[in-house]
Amino acid sequence: MSALLDVVVVRPRPRGQHGDPAANTSAGRFDLPGVMFAPGGTREQTFGQNTVSFDAQLYIEYVDIPQVLPKDRIEVPGQGVFQVEGEVQVWGDFGCVINLSKVTG
């Protein structure tokens, strides 16, 4: 079991009706303290490309359901930047799980 980490959630800039970044906006950032990072498996794509996919999960004790969205990215100390996959999974009084993925190469 790993120690608790403080991660940073990075929310992309809002987009306008044509998909361009909305004027006078910026990406949002907020801390998400006290999470547990659980690395998952990796998959290598060797046919026609040279990429490695890496899955992971964040486990959060049930205090507050974090306002994490599927388009957010999460900076994990020592592990890099991950993309949030899907919605936050709430497990009643136990806490919640955030699925993450990262592709390199």
C-alpha atoms as a PDB file:
ATOM      1  CA  MET A   1       0.000   0.000   0.000  1.00  0.00           C
ATOM      2  CA  SER A   2       1.404   3.387  -0.872  1.00  0.00           C
ATOM      3  CA  ALA A   3       1.488   6.570   1.168  1.00  0.00           C
ATOM      4  CA  LEU A   4      -1.053   9.338   0.688  1.00  0.00           C
ATOM      5  CA  LEU A   5      -0.189  11.896  -1.981  1.00  0.00           C
ATOM      6  CA  ASP A   6      -1.269  15.391  -2.858  1.00  0.00           C
ATOM      7  CA  VAL A   7      -2.056  15.629  -6.579  1.00  0.00           C
ATOM      8  CA  VAL A   8      -2.988  18.571  -8.781  1.00  0.00           C
ATOM      9  CA  VAL A   9      -6.070  18.569 -11.009  1.00  0.00           C
ATOM     10  CA  VAL A  10      -5.640  20.580 -14.227  1.00  0.00           C
ATOM     11  CA  ARG A  11      -8.840  21.603 -15.966  1.00  0.00           C
ATOM     12  CA  PRO A  12      -8.492  22.602 -19.651  1.00  0.00           C
ATOM     13  CA  ARG A  13      -9.568  26.016 -20.868  1.00  0.00           C
ATOM     14  CA  PRO A  14     -13.246  26.270 -21.801  1.00  0.00           C
ATOM     15  CA  ARG A  15     -13.966  26.069 -25.546  1.00  0.00           C
ATOM     16  CA  GLY A  16     -16.150  28.331 -27.649  1.00  0.00           C
ATOM     17  CA  GLN A  17     -18.822  27.231 -30.096  1.00  0.00           C
ATOM     18  CA  HIS A  18     -16.229  26.487 -32.808  1.00  0.00           C
ATOM     19  CA  GLY A  19     -13.856  24.565 -30.540  1.00  0.00           C
ATOM     20  CA  ASP A  20     -11.334  27.360 -30.018  1.00  0.00           C
ATOM     21  CA  PRO A  21     -10.230  28.286 -26.496  1.00  0.00           C
ATOM     22  CA  ALA A  22     -12.718  30.799 -25.100  1.00  0.00           C
ATOM     23  CA  ALA A  23     -11.446  34.366 -24.837  1.00  0.00           C
ATOM     24  CA  ASN A  24     -10.342  35.704 -21.459  1.00  0.00           C
ATOM     25  CA  THR A  25     -10.202  32.244 -19.862  1.00  0.00           C
ATOM     26  CA  SER A  26      -7.408  30.081 -18.566  1.00  0.00           C
ATOM     27  CA  ALA A  27      -6.898  26.504 -17.465  1.00  0.00           C
ATOM     28  CA  GLY A  28      -7.938  25.862 -13.898  1.00  0.00           C
ATOM     29  CA  ARG A  29      -5.786  24.139 -11.291  1.00  0.00           C
ATOM     30  CA  PHE A  30      -6.645  22.880  -7.838  1.00  0.00           C
ATOM     31  CA  ASP A  31      -5.068  20.581  -5.281  1.00  0.00           C
ATOM     32  CA  LEU A  32      -6.552  17.230  -4.368  1.00  0.00           C
ATOM     33  CA  PRO A  33      -4.825  16.224  -1.113  1.00  0.00           C
ATOM     34  CA  GLY A  34      -4.644  12.868   0.612  1.00  0.00           C
ATOM     35  CA  VAL A  35      -5.211  10.450  -2.269  1.00  0.00           C
ATOM     36  CA  MET A  36      -3.778   6.992  -2.774  1.00  0.00           C
ATOM     37  CA  PHE A  37      -2.225   6.253  -6.173  1.00  0.00           C
ATOM     38  CA  ALA A  38      -2.492   2.681  -7.441  1.00  0.00           C
ATOM     39  CA  PRO A  39      -0.514   1.960 -10.616  1.00  0.00           C
ATOM     40  CA  GLY A  40      -2.039  -0.524 -13.007  1.00  0.00           C
ATOM     41  CA  GLY A  41      -0.706  -2.497 -15.912  1.00  0.00           C
ATOM     42  CA  THR A  42       0.910  -1.347 -19.127  1.00  0.00           C
ATOM     43  CA  ARG A  43       0.204  -2.273 -22.726  1.00  0.00           C
ATOM     44  CA  GLU A  44       2.690  -1.890 -25.561  1.00  0.00           C
ATOM     45  CA  GLN A  45       1.494  -1.240 -29.096  1.00  0.00           C
ATOM     46  CA  THR A  46       4.185  -2.702 -31.322  1.00  0.00           C
ATOM     47  CA  PHE A  47       2.378  -3.120 -34.631  1.00  0.00           C
ATOM     48  CA  GLY A  48       2.909   0.056 -36.663  1.00  0.00           C
ATOM     49  CA  GLN A  49       3.519   2.283 -33.652  1.00  0.00           C
ATOM     50  CA  ASN A  50       5.743   2.553 -30.625  1.00  0.00           C
ATOM     51  CA  THR A  51       3.490   3.534 -27.722  1.00  0.00           C
ATOM     52  CA  VAL A  52       2.948   2.354 -24.175  1.00  0.00           C
ATOM     53  CA  SER A  53      -0.408   2.774 -22.408  1.00  0.00           C
ATOM     54  CA  PHE A  54      -0.363   2.975 -18.624  1.00  0.00           C
ATOM     55  CA  ASP A  55      -3.469   2.692 -16.421  1.00  0.00           C
ATOM     56  CA  ALA A  56      -3.827   3.743 -12.792  1.00  0.00           C
ATOM     57  CA  GLN A  57      -6.427   4.637 -10.177  1.00  0.00           C
ATOM     58  CA  LEU A  58      -6.726   7.260  -7.476  1.00  0.00           C
ATOM     59  CA  TYR A  59      -8.496   6.197  -4.293  1.00  0.00           C
ATOM     60  CA  ILE A  60      -9.968   8.924  -2.125  1.00  0.00           C
ATOM     61  CA  GLU A  61     -11.399   8.476   1.349  1.00  0.00           C
ATOM     62  CA  TYR A  62     -14.996   9.620   1.546  1.00  0.00           C
ATOM     63  CA  VAL A  63     -14.941  13.145   2.877  1.00  0.00           C
ATOM     64  CA  ASP A  64     -15.991  15.190  -0.110  1.00  0.00           C
ATOM     65  CA  ILE A  65     -16.656  13.925  -3.605  1.00  0.00           C
ATOM     66  CA  PRO A  66     -14.041  15.716  -5.704  1.00  0.00           C
ATOM     67  CA  GLN A  67     -15.301  17.822  -8.590  1.00  0.00           C
ATOM     68  CA  VAL A  68     -13.137  16.012 -11.121  1.00  0.00           C
ATOM     69  CA  LEU A  69     -14.381  15.898 -14.713  1.00  0.00           C
ATOM     70  CA  PRO A  70     -13.596  13.403 -17.496  1.00  0.00           C
ATOM     71  CA  LYS A  71     -11.580  15.992 -19.486  1.00  0.00           C
ATOM     72  CA  ASP A  72      -9.351  16.896 -16.537  1.00  0.00           C
ATOM     73  CA  ARG A  73      -5.721  15.883 -16.205  1.00  0.00           C
ATOM     74  CA  ILE A  74      -4.062  14.947 -12.945  1.00  0.00           C
ATOM     75  CA  GLU A  75      -0.428  15.587 -12.059  1.00  0.00           C
ATOM     76  CA  VAL A  76       0.854  12.774  -9.843  1.00  0.00           C
ATOM     77  CA  PRO A  77       4.207  13.438  -8.130  1.00  0.00           C
ATOM     78  CA  GLY A  78       6.890  11.137  -9.492  1.00  0.00           C
ATOM     79  CA  GLN A  79       4.520   9.541 -12.047  1.00  0.00           C
ATOM     80  CA  GLY A  80       3.679  12.296 -14.534  1.00  0.00           C
ATOM     81  CA  VAL A  81       0.441  13.651 -15.951  1.00  0.00           C
ATOM     82  CA  PHE A  82      -2.572  11.383 -16.458  1.00  0.00           C
ATOM     83  CA  GLN A  83      -5.880  11.838 -18.253  1.00  0.00           C
ATOM     84  CA  VAL A  84      -9.066  11.173 -16.249  1.00  0.00           C
ATOM     85  CA  GLU A  85     -11.052   8.305 -17.793  1.00  0.00           C
ATOM     86  CA  GLY A  86     -14.813   8.520 -17.263  1.00  0.00           C
ATOM     87  CA  GLU A  87     -16.723   9.783 -14.252  1.00  0.00           C
ATOM     88  CA  VAL A  88     -15.686   9.600 -10.601  1.00  0.00           C
ATOM     89  CA  GLN A  89     -16.933   6.304  -9.140  1.00  0.00           C
ATOM     90  CA  VAL A  90     -18.522   6.829  -5.734  1.00  0.00           C
ATOM     91  CA  TRP A  91     -18.551   3.783  -3.450  1.00  0.00           C
ATOM     92  CA  GLY A  92     -21.009   4.884  -0.775  1.00  0.00           C
ATOM     93  CA  ASP A  93     -19.414   5.639   2.586  1.00  0.00           C
ATOM     94  CA  PHE A  94     -16.119   4.032   1.572  1.00  0.00           C
ATOM     95  CA  GLY A  95     -14.838   6.706  -0.793  1.00  0.00           C
ATOM     96  CA  CYS A  96     -14.383   7.095  -4.505  1.00  0.00           C
ATOM     97  CA  VAL A  97     -12.166   5.940  -7.358  1.00  0.00           C
ATOM     98  CA  ILE A  98     -10.854   7.963 -10.296  1.00  0.00           C
ATOM     99  CA  ASN A  99      -9.583   5.964 -13.275  1.00  0.00           C
ATOM    100  CA  LEU A 100      -6.547   7.383 -15.062  1.00  0.00           C
ATOM    101  CA  SER A 101      -4.563   6.642 -18.203  1.00  0.00           C
ATOM    102  CA  LYS A 102      -1.378   7.863 -19.832  1.00  0.00           C
ATOM    103  CA  VAL A 103       0.044   7.099 -23.285  1.00  0.00           C
ATOM    104  CA  THR A 104       3.712   7.630 -24.087  1.00  0.00           C
ATOM    105  CA  GLY A 105       5.697   7.285 -27.275  1.00  0.00           C
END
